[in-house]
């Protein structure tokens, strides 16, 4: 893959290559994408092929799909496993204008620690927040909320876990220790809830983990 070729022009924006190793790195990536990372097997199966047209066609299809889906380029897009994402999501329909707005909103969110995860998060329907490494509540916030909840709960003779209070078991009046609880967004981050003290509640580990990914 020559550094001034059309293929290099595409590859240089989306895969990690240097000009002096563009041929090898570009070829390796193209094979990984078409073989689902089984490079050795693909090489063995296609060693007698007259040319690599099918492989490069697939490579171009992946890149063109990325460009069509994400019309705005971001430097964090470089080096992502677009071949794997293509295999997983290219059969779904995406409106580029909607996608562009979602990506911009996520880039502007100060609570996201992993902007490289934004693209798969959008492709996956904005559901897997683990991809974003959303900033969690810090220890001072947890201690402050725990203290407030516990004081109120003891005064009322109820559990300091709000979800235990509405349950039907022996934990309705249990006072949990701080290390037995976890911080939770009252309004889920994915629904616009912020990571600050006003949107924090402490739940026992069982109830917090039962809430799942939000």
Protein backbone atom coordinates (compact mmCIF):
# COMPACT_ATOMS: atom_id res chain seq x y z
CA UNK A 1 0.00 0.00 0.00
CA UNK A 2 1.87 3.09 -1.19
CA UNK A 3 1.68 6.16 1.01
CA UNK A 4 0.11 8.24 -1.77
CA UNK A 5 -2.42 5.63 -2.85
CA UNK A 6 -6.18 5.89 -2.37
CA UNK A 7 -6.07 2.87 -0.05
CA UNK A 8 -3.46 4.56 2.13
CA UNK A 9 -5.56 7.71 2.20
CA UNK A 10 -8.41 5.70 3.65
CA UNK A 11 -6.28 3.59 5.97
CA UNK A 12 -4.20 6.40 7.45
CA UNK A 13 -7.28 7.93 9.10
CA UNK A 14 -8.63 4.74 10.63
CA UNK A 15 -5.73 2.41 11.41
CA UNK A 16 -2.45 3.02 13.21
CA UNK A 17 0.26 3.00 10.55
CA UNK A 18 3.43 4.88 9.77
CA UNK A 19 4.36 5.82 6.23
CA UNK A 20 7.39 3.53 6.24
CA UNK A 21 5.35 0.51 7.27
CA UNK A 22 2.04 1.30 5.57
CA UNK A 23 2.13 -1.68 3.23
CA UNK A 24 2.64 -4.28 5.94
CA UNK A 25 0.35 -2.73 8.54
CA UNK A 26 -2.39 -1.99 6.03
CA UNK A 27 -2.26 -5.52 4.68
CA UNK A 28 -2.30 -7.01 8.17
CA UNK A 29 -5.35 -4.95 9.14
CA UNK A 30 -7.21 -5.81 5.93
CA UNK A 31 -6.64 -9.51 6.54
CA UNK A 32 -7.71 -9.23 10.19
CA UNK A 33 -10.92 -7.50 9.16
CA UNK A 34 -11.93 -10.05 6.55
CA UNK A 35 -10.83 -13.08 8.60
CA UNK A 36 -12.21 -12.10 12.02
CA UNK A 37 -8.61 -11.87 13.31
CA UNK A 38 -7.68 -15.35 12.05
CA UNK A 39 -4.78 -14.13 9.93
CA UNK A 40 -2.81 -17.39 9.69
CA UNK A 41 -5.82 -19.40 8.59
CA UNK A 42 -6.82 -16.81 6.01
CA UNK A 43 -3.29 -16.71 4.59
CA UNK A 44 -3.23 -20.49 4.35
CA UNK A 45 -6.63 -20.65 2.66
CA UNK A 46 -5.82 -17.94 0.12
CA UNK A 47 -2.12 -18.40 -0.57
CA UNK A 48 -2.82 -19.44 -4.15
CA UNK A 49 -5.24 -16.63 -4.98
CA UNK A 50 -4.25 -14.71 -8.11
CA UNK A 51 -4.87 -11.38 -6.40
CA UNK A 52 -6.20 -9.83 -3.20
CA UNK A 53 -9.12 -7.99 -4.80
CA UNK A 54 -11.73 -9.59 -2.52
CA UNK A 55 -9.81 -8.62 0.59
CA UNK A 56 -9.28 -5.01 -0.47
CA UNK A 57 -12.92 -4.75 -1.55
CA UNK A 58 -13.94 -5.81 1.95
CA UNK A 59 -11.46 -3.35 3.45
CA UNK A 60 -12.94 -0.54 1.40
CA UNK A 61 -16.50 -1.63 2.32
CA UNK A 62 -15.64 -1.34 6.01
CA UNK A 63 -14.13 2.11 5.63
CA UNK A 64 -16.98 3.38 3.45
CA UNK A 65 -19.51 2.09 6.00
CA UNK A 66 -17.69 3.94 8.77
CA UNK A 67 -17.59 7.14 6.74
CA UNK A 68 -21.26 6.85 5.83
CA UNK A 69 -22.33 6.18 9.42
CA UNK A 70 -20.04 8.71 11.13
CA UNK A 71 -19.92 11.71 8.84
CA UNK A 72 -17.77 13.69 11.29
CA UNK A 73 -14.23 12.42 11.76
CA UNK A 74 -12.70 12.29 15.25
CA UNK A 75 -9.11 11.36 15.98
CA UNK A 76 -10.23 8.70 18.48
CA UNK A 77 -11.64 6.75 15.54
CA UNK A 78 -8.11 5.85 14.50
CA UNK A 79 -7.04 2.39 15.62
CA UNK A 80 -10.49 1.06 16.56
CA UNK A 81 -11.36 -2.44 15.40
CA UNK A 82 -13.67 -1.27 12.64
CA UNK A 83 -13.66 -4.69 11.01
CA UNK A 84 -15.25 -6.24 14.09
CA UNK A 85 -17.72 -3.37 14.44
CA UNK A 86 -18.64 -3.69 10.77
CA UNK A 87 -19.36 -7.40 11.16
CA UNK A 88 -21.50 -6.74 14.21
CA UNK A 89 -23.46 -3.68 13.15
CA UNK A 90 -23.38 -3.03 9.41
CA UNK A 91 -26.71 -4.80 8.88
CA UNK A 92 -28.49 -2.16 10.98
CA UNK A 93 -29.79 1.15 9.69
CA UNK A 94 -28.36 4.37 11.06
CA UNK A 95 -29.36 7.92 10.26
CA UNK A 96 -26.06 9.85 9.85
CA UNK A 97 -27.60 13.10 11.08
CA UNK A 98 -28.90 11.45 14.24
CA UNK A 99 -25.60 9.66 14.78
CA UNK A 100 -23.68 12.91 14.36
CA UNK A 101 -25.83 14.58 17.01
CA UNK A 102 -25.44 11.67 19.42
CA UNK A 103 -21.66 11.64 19.04
CA UNK A 104 -21.39 15.40 19.56
CA UNK A 105 -23.53 15.24 22.69
CA UNK A 106 -21.39 12.45 24.10
CA UNK A 107 -18.16 14.29 23.32
CA UNK A 108 -19.51 17.29 25.21
CA UNK A 109 -20.40 15.21 28.28
CA UNK A 110 -17.84 15.84 31.06
CA UNK A 111 -18.66 12.56 32.81
CA UNK A 112 -17.33 10.34 30.01
CA UNK A 113 -13.78 9.11 30.58
CA UNK A 114 -13.41 6.94 27.47
CA UNK A 115 -14.28 8.84 24.32
CA UNK A 116 -13.01 5.95 22.17
CA UNK A 117 -15.97 3.93 23.35
CA UNK A 118 -18.47 6.47 22.03
CA UNK A 119 -18.68 4.96 18.56
CA UNK A 120 -19.57 1.43 19.63
CA UNK A 121 -21.90 2.88 22.27
CA UNK A 122 -23.82 4.69 19.53
CA UNK A 123 -23.78 1.69 17.20
CA UNK A 124 -25.12 -0.49 20.00
CA UNK A 125 -28.15 1.72 20.60
CA UNK A 126 -26.81 3.80 23.51
CA UNK A 127 -27.17 0.92 25.95
CA UNK A 128 -23.76 -0.31 27.14
CA UNK A 129 -22.44 2.52 29.33
CA UNK A 130 -19.44 0.39 30.33
CA UNK A 131 -17.93 1.35 26.97
CA UNK A 132 -17.75 4.97 28.10
CA UNK A 133 -16.24 4.48 31.54
CA UNK A 134 -18.66 7.04 32.94
CA UNK A 135 -17.23 8.91 35.90
CA UNK A 136 -18.52 7.52 39.17
CA UNK A 137 -19.19 9.30 42.45
CA UNK A 138 -16.07 10.12 44.44
CA UNK A 139 -15.49 8.96 48.02
CA UNK A 140 -16.38 12.27 49.73
CA UNK A 141 -19.74 12.28 47.94
CA UNK A 142 -20.44 8.69 48.93
CA UNK A 143 -19.61 9.37 52.58
CA UNK A 144 -21.72 12.53 52.66
CA UNK A 145 -24.77 10.83 51.14
CA UNK A 146 -24.31 7.75 53.33
CA UNK A 147 -24.17 9.87 56.48
CA UNK A 148 -27.30 11.80 55.52
CA UNK A 149 -29.29 8.69 54.54
CA UNK A 150 -28.23 6.80 57.65
CA UNK A 151 -29.12 9.63 60.02
CA UNK A 152 -32.58 9.97 58.45
CA UNK A 153 -33.13 6.19 58.40
CA UNK A 154 -32.24 5.74 62.07
CA UNK A 155 -34.61 8.53 63.00
CA UNK A 156 -37.45 6.77 61.20
CA UNK A 157 -36.49 3.24 62.20
CA UNK A 158 -36.05 2.12 58.61
CA UNK A 159 -33.21 0.84 56.46
CA UNK A 160 -30.72 3.30 55.08
CA UNK A 161 -31.12 1.56 51.71
CA UNK A 162 -34.22 3.08 50.05
CA UNK A 163 -34.89 -0.09 48.07
CA UNK A 164 -34.79 -2.29 51.17
CA UNK A 165 -37.44 -0.05 52.77
CA UNK A 166 -39.97 -0.86 50.05
CA UNK A 167 -39.15 -4.57 50.10
CA UNK A 168 -40.83 -7.35 52.01
CA UNK A 169 -37.97 -8.98 53.87
CA UNK A 170 -36.05 -8.60 57.10
CA UNK A 171 -33.87 -5.86 55.64
CA UNK A 172 -36.65 -3.26 55.77
CA UNK A 173 -35.06 -1.80 58.89
CA UNK A 174 -31.44 -2.89 58.39
CA UNK A 175 -28.75 -0.24 58.72
CA UNK A 176 -25.98 -1.10 56.28
CA UNK A 177 -22.33 -0.17 56.79
CA UNK A 178 -20.75 2.12 54.21
CA UNK A 179 -18.66 -0.71 52.77
CA UNK A 180 -21.84 -2.75 52.28
CA UNK A 181 -23.34 -0.11 50.01
CA UNK A 182 -22.69 1.36 46.57
CA UNK A 183 -23.41 4.75 45.03
CA UNK A 184 -26.23 4.91 42.51
CA UNK A 185 -27.52 7.58 40.13
CA UNK A 186 -31.10 8.42 41.21
CA UNK A 187 -31.77 9.51 37.64
CA UNK A 188 -29.71 7.22 35.42
CA UNK A 189 -26.75 8.84 33.69
CA UNK A 190 -28.04 7.45 30.37
CA UNK A 191 -31.28 9.38 30.95
CA UNK A 192 -29.55 12.66 31.66
CA UNK A 193 -28.73 12.22 35.33
CA UNK A 194 -25.57 13.95 36.50
CA UNK A 195 -22.79 12.53 38.64
CA UNK A 196 -23.14 14.93 41.56
CA UNK A 197 -24.32 14.79 45.16
CA UNK A 198 -27.88 15.84 44.31
CA UNK A 199 -28.29 12.80 42.07
CA UNK A 200 -26.59 10.27 44.34
CA UNK A 201 -28.16 7.68 46.60
CA UNK A 202 -26.54 4.82 48.47
CA UNK A 203 -28.03 1.36 47.96
CA UNK A 204 -27.08 -1.97 49.44
CA UNK A 205 -24.91 -3.92 46.98
CA UNK A 206 -27.68 -6.41 46.21
CA UNK A 207 -30.19 -3.78 45.16
CA UNK A 208 -27.68 -1.63 43.31
CA UNK A 209 -26.44 -4.53 41.21
CA UNK A 210 -29.99 -5.70 40.56
CA UNK A 211 -30.64 -2.41 38.81
CA UNK A 212 -28.24 -3.47 36.08
CA UNK A 213 -26.55 -1.24 33.55
CA UNK A 214 -27.89 2.31 33.43
